[in-house]
Amino acid sequence: MSVTGFLIRIIFLLLPGIIASSLFRLLRGRNPRKDWEDYLEIIVFAVFSYGLYGIFIWLLSLLFSGIPDFVFFDVLLDEEQKLNPAEVFGAAATGVIISFIATYIHTHKWINRLGQKLKVTRHFGDEDVWSFFHNVESPSFSWVLVRDHKLDLIYYGTVSVYSDSEKQREVIMKDVQVYSNDSGKHLYNVPFLYFSRQPDDLSLEIPVASPPSVQHSTKQGSSNVRSKKTNSKPR
């Protein structure tokens, strides 16, 4: 077999892993990693995709006659064995399902939670605290108070979209109430707000309840946040 034919064969065999890995990274966000980790992830997804698809074909063969044999492992061991395109695309479809399952497990930190219960780790499972903060599952985290130290403003609303951790902090908030950080005065309301800042320019806080009224101590320069439901218009 020529080098070109061998490479084409490998690409087709890894196609389910490439699709699953790409979708997994798209769903969970792109984090800085080494090349060998990306290659390993593709191989793992490919093996799981073919493995689960092979189990599915085996179960079908027990129920129905005429089901074609699963030849993926034969293709790996015998270069004379022809690829089965239906098998590749079937494994690719299985890889899509696996990528969603893997993303759910990653988002809800099942592996880290199991490790914490077994007392083998204290790691929370995110790349940094920025990602951990936005992934916390709690009703009290619906409303977030963001202090913009660059413009001396406070944004109070819900976080709709946030950037990956290695980039500049980009956030889109909705139902936003804007206050002066210095005086606590309510300035205006906007349905959506986008801003981009350096990590040191922002502070995120979770108030007691929502929506807020902001109070500041004038002598000590500290800020306290109390919340009550209000339908006041922008002033």
C-alpha atoms as a PDB file:
ATOM      1  CA  MET A   1       0.000   0.000   0.000  1.00  0.00           C
ATOM      2  CA  SER A   2       1.315   3.456  -0.942  1.00  0.00           C
ATOM      3  CA  VAL A   3       1.907   6.168   1.645  1.00  0.00           C
ATOM      4  CA  THR A   4      -0.939   8.242   0.187  1.00  0.00           C
ATOM      5  CA  GLY A   5      -3.338   5.313   0.335  1.00  0.00           C
ATOM      6  CA  PHE A   6      -2.287   4.572   3.913  1.00  0.00           C
ATOM      7  CA  LEU A   7      -2.899   8.187   4.999  1.00  0.00           C
ATOM      8  CA  ILE A   8      -6.320   8.262   3.335  1.00  0.00           C
ATOM      9  CA  ARG A   9      -7.177   5.004   5.087  1.00  0.00           C
ATOM     10  CA  ILE A  10      -6.121   6.419   8.485  1.00  0.00           C
ATOM     11  CA  ILE A  11      -8.093   9.643   7.940  1.00  0.00           C
ATOM     12  CA  PHE A  12     -11.246   7.690   7.120  1.00  0.00           C
ATOM     13  CA  LEU A  13     -10.758   5.439  10.136  1.00  0.00           C
ATOM     14  CA  LEU A  14     -10.270   8.454  12.410  1.00  0.00           C
ATOM     15  CA  LEU A  15     -13.151  10.433  10.889  1.00  0.00           C
ATOM     16  CA  PRO A  16     -15.599   9.561  13.726  1.00  0.00           C
ATOM     17  CA  GLY A  17     -13.001  10.652  16.287  1.00  0.00           C
ATOM     18  CA  ILE A  18     -12.278  13.896  14.433  1.00  0.00           C
ATOM     19  CA  ILE A  19     -15.980  14.777  14.267  1.00  0.00           C
ATOM     20  CA  ALA A  20     -16.631  13.842  17.902  1.00  0.00           C
ATOM     21  CA  SER A  21     -13.548  15.682  19.187  1.00  0.00           C
ATOM     22  CA  SER A  22     -14.368  18.837  17.206  1.00  0.00           C
ATOM     23  CA  LEU A  23     -17.948  18.872  18.464  1.00  0.00           C
ATOM     24  CA  PHE A  24     -16.800  18.200  22.047  1.00  0.00           C
ATOM     25  CA  ARG A  25     -14.402  21.161  21.961  1.00  0.00           C
ATOM     26  CA  LEU A  26     -17.080  23.357  20.419  1.00  0.00           C
ATOM     27  CA  LEU A  27     -19.559  22.499  23.180  1.00  0.00           C
ATOM     28  CA  ARG A  28     -17.220  22.754  26.170  1.00  0.00           C
ATOM     29  CA  GLY A  29     -15.071  25.638  24.886  1.00  0.00           C
ATOM     30  CA  ARG A  30     -11.556  25.681  23.523  1.00  0.00           C
ATOM     31  CA  ASN A  31      -8.818  25.530  26.136  1.00  0.00           C
ATOM     32  CA  PRO A  32      -5.063  25.689  25.487  1.00  0.00           C
ATOM     33  CA  ARG A  33      -3.674  22.176  25.181  1.00  0.00           C
ATOM     34  CA  LYS A  34      -0.719  20.377  23.665  1.00  0.00           C
ATOM     35  CA  ASP A  35      -0.955  18.794  20.223  1.00  0.00           C
ATOM     36  CA  TRP A  36      -0.466  15.257  21.516  1.00  0.00           C
ATOM     37  CA  GLU A  37      -3.493  15.710  23.804  1.00  0.00           C
ATOM     38  CA  ASP A  38      -5.636  16.653  20.794  1.00  0.00           C
ATOM     39  CA  TYR A  39      -4.417  13.617  18.847  1.00  0.00           C
ATOM     40  CA  LEU A  40      -5.022  11.339  21.820  1.00  0.00           C
ATOM     41  CA  GLU A  41      -8.540  12.744  22.234  1.00  0.00           C
ATOM     42  CA  ILE A  42      -9.320  12.031  18.573  1.00  0.00           C
ATOM     43  CA  ILE A  43      -8.076   8.446  18.893  1.00  0.00           C
ATOM     44  CA  VAL A  44     -10.056   7.847  22.104  1.00  0.00           C
ATOM     45  CA  PHE A  45     -13.254   9.218  20.563  1.00  0.00           C
ATOM     46  CA  ALA A  46     -12.688   7.105  17.439  1.00  0.00           C
ATOM     47  CA  VAL A  47     -12.194   3.905  19.455  1.00  0.00           C
ATOM     48  CA  PHE A  48     -15.289   4.560  21.575  1.00  0.00           C
ATOM     49  CA  SER A  49     -17.345   5.447  18.486  1.00  0.00           C
ATOM     50  CA  TYR A  50     -16.407   2.269  16.638  1.00  0.00           C
ATOM     51  CA  GLY A  51     -16.716   0.194  19.801  1.00  0.00           C
ATOM     52  CA  LEU A  52     -20.257   1.335  20.620  1.00  0.00           C
ATOM     53  CA  TYR A  53     -21.299   1.114  16.983  1.00  0.00           C
ATOM     54  CA  GLY A  54     -19.884  -2.429  16.856  1.00  0.00           C
ATOM     55  CA  ILE A  55     -21.924  -3.388  19.925  1.00  0.00           C
ATOM     56  CA  PHE A  56     -25.008  -1.906  18.239  1.00  0.00           C
ATOM     57  CA  ILE A  57     -24.366  -3.949  15.072  1.00  0.00           C
ATOM     58  CA  TRP A  58     -23.817  -7.090  17.152  1.00  0.00           C
ATOM     59  CA  LEU A  59     -27.136  -6.596  18.957  1.00  0.00           C
ATOM     60  CA  LEU A  60     -28.895  -6.065  15.632  1.00  0.00           C
ATOM     61  CA  SER A  61     -27.369  -9.280  14.272  1.00  0.00           C
ATOM     62  CA  LEU A  62     -28.903 -11.175  17.197  1.00  0.00           C
ATOM     63  CA  LEU A  63     -32.352  -9.869  16.321  1.00  0.00           C
ATOM     64  CA  PHE A  64     -32.240  -9.779  12.535  1.00  0.00           C
ATOM     65  CA  SER A  65     -30.556 -11.837   9.841  1.00  0.00           C
ATOM     66  CA  GLY A  66     -28.560 -10.351   6.991  1.00  0.00           C
ATOM     67  CA  ILE A  67     -26.778  -7.730   9.105  1.00  0.00           C
ATOM     68  CA  PRO A  68     -23.265  -7.174   7.643  1.00  0.00           C
ATOM     69  CA  ASP A  69     -20.294  -8.093   9.815  1.00  0.00           C
ATOM     70  CA  PHE A  70     -18.453  -5.404  11.750  1.00  0.00           C
ATOM     71  CA  VAL A  71     -15.016  -5.184  10.089  1.00  0.00           C
ATOM     72  CA  PHE A  72     -13.333  -2.205  11.775  1.00  0.00           C
ATOM     73  CA  PHE A  73     -10.859  -4.270  13.776  1.00  0.00           C
ATOM     74  CA  ASP A  74     -10.149  -6.443  10.729  1.00  0.00           C
ATOM     75  CA  VAL A  75      -9.317  -3.283   8.777  1.00  0.00           C
ATOM     76  CA  LEU A  76      -6.836  -2.268  11.467  1.00  0.00           C
ATOM     77  CA  LEU A  77      -5.036  -5.612  11.371  1.00  0.00           C
ATOM     78  CA  ASP A  78      -5.289  -6.446   7.673  1.00  0.00           C
ATOM     79  CA  GLU A  79      -4.407  -3.840   5.061  1.00  0.00           C
ATOM     80  CA  GLU A  80      -6.079  -5.957   2.387  1.00  0.00           C
ATOM     81  CA  GLN A  81      -9.434  -5.655   4.148  1.00  0.00           C
ATOM     82  CA  LYS A  82     -11.614  -3.042   2.458  1.00  0.00           C
ATOM     83  CA  LEU A  83     -13.172  -0.176   4.366  1.00  0.00           C
ATOM     84  CA  ASN A  84     -16.917  -0.275   4.858  1.00  0.00           C
ATOM     85  CA  PRO A  85     -18.176   3.307   4.239  1.00  0.00           C
ATOM     86  CA  ALA A  86     -21.484   2.580   5.999  1.00  0.00           C
ATOM     87  CA  GLU A  87     -19.513   1.491   9.057  1.00  0.00           C
ATOM     88  CA  VAL A  88     -17.454   4.702   9.062  1.00  0.00           C
ATOM     89  CA  PHE A  89     -20.512   6.943   8.805  1.00  0.00           C
ATOM     90  CA  GLY A  90     -22.383   4.865  11.382  1.00  0.00           C
ATOM     91  CA  ALA A  91     -19.479   5.268  13.803  1.00  0.00           C
ATOM     92  CA  ALA A  92     -19.391   9.002  13.016  1.00  0.00           C
ATOM     93  CA  ALA A  93     -23.065   9.311  13.975  1.00  0.00           C
ATOM     94  CA  THR A  94     -22.307   7.389  17.165  1.00  0.00           C
ATOM     95  CA  GLY A  95     -19.423   9.794  17.824  1.00  0.00           C
ATOM     96  CA  VAL A  96     -21.820  12.744  17.736  1.00  0.00           C
ATOM     97  CA  ILE A  97     -23.899  11.129  20.484  1.00  0.00           C
ATOM     98  CA  ILE A  98     -20.761  10.335  22.494  1.00  0.00           C
ATOM     99  CA  SER A  99     -19.556  13.947  22.226  1.00  0.00           C
ATOM    100  CA  PHE A 100     -22.801  15.210  23.770  1.00  0.00           C
ATOM    101  CA  ILE A 101     -22.547  12.652  26.575  1.00  0.00           C
ATOM    102  CA  ALA A 102     -18.889  13.575  27.181  1.00  0.00           C
ATOM    103  CA  THR A 103     -19.765  17.275  27.262  1.00  0.00           C
ATOM    104  CA  TYR A 104     -22.515  16.650  29.810  1.00  0.00           C
ATOM    105  CA  ILE A 105     -20.109  14.669  32.001  1.00  0.00           C
ATOM    106  CA  HIS A 106     -17.466  17.411  31.656  1.00  0.00           C
ATOM    107  CA  THR A 107     -19.905  20.260  32.366  1.00  0.00           C
ATOM    108  CA  HIS A 108     -21.340  18.615  35.472  1.00  0.00           C
ATOM    109  CA  LYS A 109     -17.890  17.496  36.673  1.00  0.00           C
ATOM    110  CA  TRP A 110     -18.925  13.889  37.295  1.00  0.00           C
ATOM    111  CA  ILE A 111     -15.351  12.586  37.372  1.00  0.00           C
ATOM    112  CA  ASN A 112     -14.135  15.301  39.753  1.00  0.00           C
ATOM    113  CA  ARG A 113     -17.184  14.935  41.973  1.00  0.00           C
ATOM    114  CA  LEU A 114     -16.562  11.201  42.203  1.00  0.00           C
ATOM    115  CA  GLY A 115     -12.933  11.875  43.065  1.00  0.00           C
ATOM    116  CA  GLN A 116     -13.970  14.369  45.743  1.00  0.00           C
ATOM    117  CA  LYS A 117     -16.406  11.881  47.273  1.00  0.00           C
ATOM    118  CA  LEU A 118     -13.640   9.285  47.337  1.00  0.00           C
ATOM    119  CA  LYS A 119     -11.329  11.960  48.818  1.00  0.00           C
ATOM    120  CA  VAL A 120      -8.698  11.478  46.139  1.00  0.00           C
ATOM    121  CA  THR A 121      -8.819  15.065  44.819  1.00  0.00           C
ATOM    122  CA  ARG A 122      -9.914  18.583  45.674  1.00  0.00           C
ATOM    123  CA  HIS A 123      -9.649  19.832  42.120  1.00  0.00           C
ATOM    124  CA  PHE A 124     -12.887  21.400  40.876  1.00  0.00           C
ATOM    125  CA  GLY A 125     -12.387  20.333  37.254  1.00  0.00           C
ATOM    126  CA  ASP A 126     -12.264  23.640  35.347  1.00  0.00           C
ATOM    127  CA  GLU A 127      -9.275  25.241  33.694  1.00  0.00           C
ATOM    128  CA  ASP A 128      -9.451  28.174  36.111  1.00  0.00           C
ATOM    129  CA  VAL A 129     -11.791  29.845  38.604  1.00  0.00           C
ATOM    130  CA  TRP A 130     -13.272  32.052  35.835  1.00  0.00           C
ATOM    131  CA  SER A 131     -14.775  28.964  34.165  1.00  0.00           C
ATOM    132  CA  PHE A 132     -15.713  27.412  37.506  1.00  0.00           C
ATOM    133  CA  PHE A 133     -17.603  30.557  38.560  1.00  0.00           C
ATOM    134  CA  HIS A 134     -19.735  30.590  35.421  1.00  0.00           C
ATOM    135  CA  ASN A 135     -20.416  26.843  35.569  1.00  0.00           C
ATOM    136  CA  VAL A 136     -21.706  26.789  39.140  1.00  0.00           C
ATOM    137  CA  GLU A 137     -25.213  25.325  39.256  1.00  0.00           C
ATOM    138  CA  SER A 138     -27.230  27.316  41.785  1.00  0.00           C
ATOM    139  CA  PRO A 139     -30.413  29.404  41.562  1.00  0.00           C
ATOM    140  CA  SER A 140     -28.656  32.186  43.471  1.00  0.00           C
ATOM    141  CA  PHE A 141     -26.143  32.452  40.626  1.00  0.00           C
ATOM    142  CA  SER A 142     -28.785  33.588  38.142  1.00  0.00           C
ATOM    143  CA  TRP A 143     -28.130  37.258  38.877  1.00  0.00           C
ATOM    144  CA  VAL A 144     -24.548  38.507  38.891  1.00  0.00           C
ATOM    145  CA  LEU A 145     -23.051  41.830  39.911  1.00  0.00           C
ATOM    146  CA  VAL A 146     -20.005  42.827  37.841  1.00  0.00           C
ATOM    147  CA  ARG A 147     -17.794  45.680  38.984  1.00  0.00           C
ATOM    148  CA  ASP A 148     -16.062  47.408  36.072  1.00  0.00           C
ATOM    149  CA  HIS A 149     -13.010  49.002  37.698  1.00  0.00           C
ATOM    150  CA  LYS A 150     -11.928  50.570  34.422  1.00  0.00           C
ATOM    151  CA  LEU A 151     -15.096  52.689  34.030  1.00  0.00           C
ATOM    152  CA  ASP A 152     -16.050  52.693  37.730  1.00  0.00           C
ATOM    153  CA  LEU A 153     -19.454  51.150  36.974  1.00  0.00           C
ATOM    154  CA  ILE A 154     -21.536  48.261  38.296  1.00  0.00           C
ATOM    155  CA  TYR A 155     -23.482  45.973  35.955  1.00  0.00           C
ATOM    156  CA  TYR A 156     -26.272  43.918  37.487  1.00  0.00           C
ATOM    157  CA  GLY A 157     -28.002  41.269  35.397  1.00  0.00           C
ATOM    158  CA  THR A 158     -27.668  37.726  34.096  1.00  0.00           C
ATOM    159  CA  VAL A 159     -24.631  36.447  32.196  1.00  0.00           C
ATOM    160  CA  SER A 160     -25.714  35.197  28.776  1.00  0.00           C
ATOM    161  CA  VAL A 161     -22.335  34.510  27.140  1.00  0.00           C
ATOM    162  CA  TYR A 162     -18.758  34.565  28.421  1.00  0.00           C
ATOM    163  CA  SER A 163     -15.394  34.032  26.746  1.00  0.00           C
ATOM    164  CA  ASP A 164     -12.987  31.139  27.181  1.00  0.00           C
ATOM    165  CA  SER A 165     -10.613  31.496  30.090  1.00  0.00           C
ATOM    166  CA  GLU A 166      -7.384  32.077  28.155  1.00  0.00           C
ATOM    167  CA  LYS A 167      -8.735  35.107  26.318  1.00  0.00           C
ATOM    168  CA  GLN A 168      -9.561  38.641  27.383  1.00  0.00           C
ATOM    169  CA  ARG A 169     -12.674  38.640  29.562  1.00  0.00           C
ATOM    170  CA  GLU A 170     -15.610  39.096  27.196  1.00  0.00           C
ATOM    171  CA  VAL A 171     -19.118  39.007  28.631  1.00  0.00           C
ATOM    172  CA  ILE A 172     -22.626  39.520  27.270  1.00  0.00           C
ATOM    173  CA  MET A 173     -25.231  40.272  29.941  1.00  0.00           C
ATOM    174  CA  LYS A 174     -28.980  40.722  29.611  1.00  0.00           C
ATOM    175  CA  ASP A 175     -31.589  42.644  31.619  1.00  0.00           C
ATOM    176  CA  VAL A 176     -28.791  44.849  32.913  1.00  0.00           C
ATOM    177  CA  GLN A 177     -29.073  47.617  35.492  1.00  0.00           C
ATOM    178  CA  VAL A 178     -26.088  49.975  35.457  1.00  0.00           C
ATOM    179  CA  TYR A 179     -24.945  51.774  38.620  1.00  0.00           C
ATOM    180  CA  SER A 180     -22.127  54.084  39.575  1.00  0.00           C
ATOM    181  CA  ASN A 181     -19.556  52.120  41.536  1.00  0.00           C
ATOM    182  CA  ASP A 182     -18.507  55.241  43.434  1.00  0.00           C
ATOM    183  CA  SER A 183     -21.914  56.472  44.613  1.00  0.00           C
ATOM    184  CA  GLY A 184     -24.182  53.466  44.033  1.00  0.00           C
ATOM    185  CA  LYS A 185     -26.562  55.663  42.004  1.00  0.00           C
ATOM    186  CA  HIS A 186     -28.710  53.885  39.423  1.00  0.00           C
ATOM    187  CA  LEU A 187     -27.835  55.292  35.996  1.00  0.00           C
ATOM    188  CA  TYR A 188     -29.831  53.386  33.369  1.00  0.00           C
ATOM    189  CA  ASN A 189     -31.136  49.994  32.191  1.00  0.00           C
ATOM    190  CA  VAL A 190     -30.277  48.130  28.997  1.00  0.00           C
ATOM    191  CA  PRO A 191     -31.677  44.825  27.670  1.00  0.00           C
ATOM    192  CA  PHE A 192     -28.216  43.611  26.564  1.00  0.00           C
ATOM    193  CA  LEU A 193     -24.674  44.696  27.375  1.00  0.00           C
ATOM    194  CA  TYR A 194     -21.339  43.577  25.918  1.00  0.00           C
ATOM    195  CA  PHE A 195     -17.968  44.485  27.379  1.00  0.00           C
ATOM    196  CA  SER A 196     -14.386  43.284  27.082  1.00  0.00           C
ATOM    197  CA  ARG A 197     -11.816  43.823  29.825  1.00  0.00           C
ATOM    198  CA  GLN A 198      -8.521  42.582  31.144  1.00  0.00           C
ATOM    199  CA  PRO A 199      -8.921  40.067  34.011  1.00  0.00           C
ATOM    200  CA  ASP A 200      -7.832  42.607  36.647  1.00  0.00           C
ATOM    201  CA  ASP A 201     -10.435  45.147  35.483  1.00  0.00           C
ATOM    202  CA  LEU A 202     -13.437  43.076  36.620  1.00  0.00           C
ATOM    203  CA  SER A 203     -14.824  41.724  39.881  1.00  0.00           C
ATOM    204  CA  LEU A 204     -17.802  39.354  39.974  1.00  0.00           C
ATOM    205  CA  GLU A 205     -20.130  39.088  42.956  1.00  0.00           C
ATOM    206  CA  ILE A 206     -23.291  37.184  43.785  1.00  0.00           C
ATOM    207  CA  PRO A 207     -25.773  39.412  45.681  1.00  0.00           C
ATOM    208  CA  VAL A 208     -28.093  38.181  48.418  1.00  0.00           C
ATOM    209  CA  ALA A 209     -31.176  38.234  46.183  1.00  0.00           C
ATOM    210  CA  SER A 210     -32.338  39.817  42.948  1.00  0.00           C
ATOM    211  CA  PRO A 211     -32.874  42.437  41.619  1.00  0.00           C
ATOM    212  CA  PRO A 212     -30.694  44.827  43.660  1.00  0.00           C
ATOM    213  CA  SER A 213     -30.405  48.168  45.319  1.00  0.00           C
ATOM    214  CA  VAL A 214     -26.811  49.149  45.795  1.00  0.00           C
ATOM    215  CA  GLN A 215     -25.574  50.814  48.957  1.00  0.00           C
ATOM    216  CA  HIS A 216     -22.085  52.041  49.677  1.00  0.00           C
ATOM    217  CA  SER A 217     -20.446  52.964  52.946  1.00  0.00           C
ATOM    218  CA  THR A 218     -19.078  56.464  52.507  1.00  0.00           C
ATOM    219  CA  LYS A 219     -16.448  56.372  55.211  1.00  0.00           C
ATOM    220  CA  GLN A 220     -14.707  53.041  54.806  1.00  0.00           C
ATOM    221  CA  GLY A 221     -15.002  52.891  51.040  1.00  0.00           C
ATOM    222  CA  SER A 222     -16.444  49.375  51.177  1.00  0.00           C
ATOM    223  CA  SER A 223     -19.479  48.295  49.173  1.00  0.00           C
ATOM    224  CA  ASN A 224     -22.457  46.289  50.351  1.00  0.00           C
ATOM    225  CA  VAL A 225     -25.142  44.911  48.071  1.00  0.00           C
ATOM    226  CA  ARG A 226     -28.714  44.410  49.165  1.00  0.00           C
ATOM    227  CA  SER A 227     -31.372  43.191  46.798  1.00  0.00           C
ATOM    228  CA  LYS A 228     -35.073  43.715  46.465  1.00  0.00           C
ATOM    229  CA  LYS A 229     -37.463  43.399  43.566  1.00  0.00           C
ATOM    230  CA  THR A 230     -38.005  46.687  41.806  1.00  0.00           C
ATOM    231  CA  ASN A 231     -39.660  47.872  38.641  1.00  0.00           C
ATOM    232  CA  SER A 232     -38.206  51.358  38.732  1.00  0.00           C
ATOM    233  CA  LYS A 233     -37.504  53.056  35.422  1.00  0.00           C
ATOM    234  CA  PRO A 234     -34.059  54.391  34.454  1.00  0.00           C
ATOM    235  CA  ARG A 235     -33.230  57.752  35.956  1.00  0.00           C
END
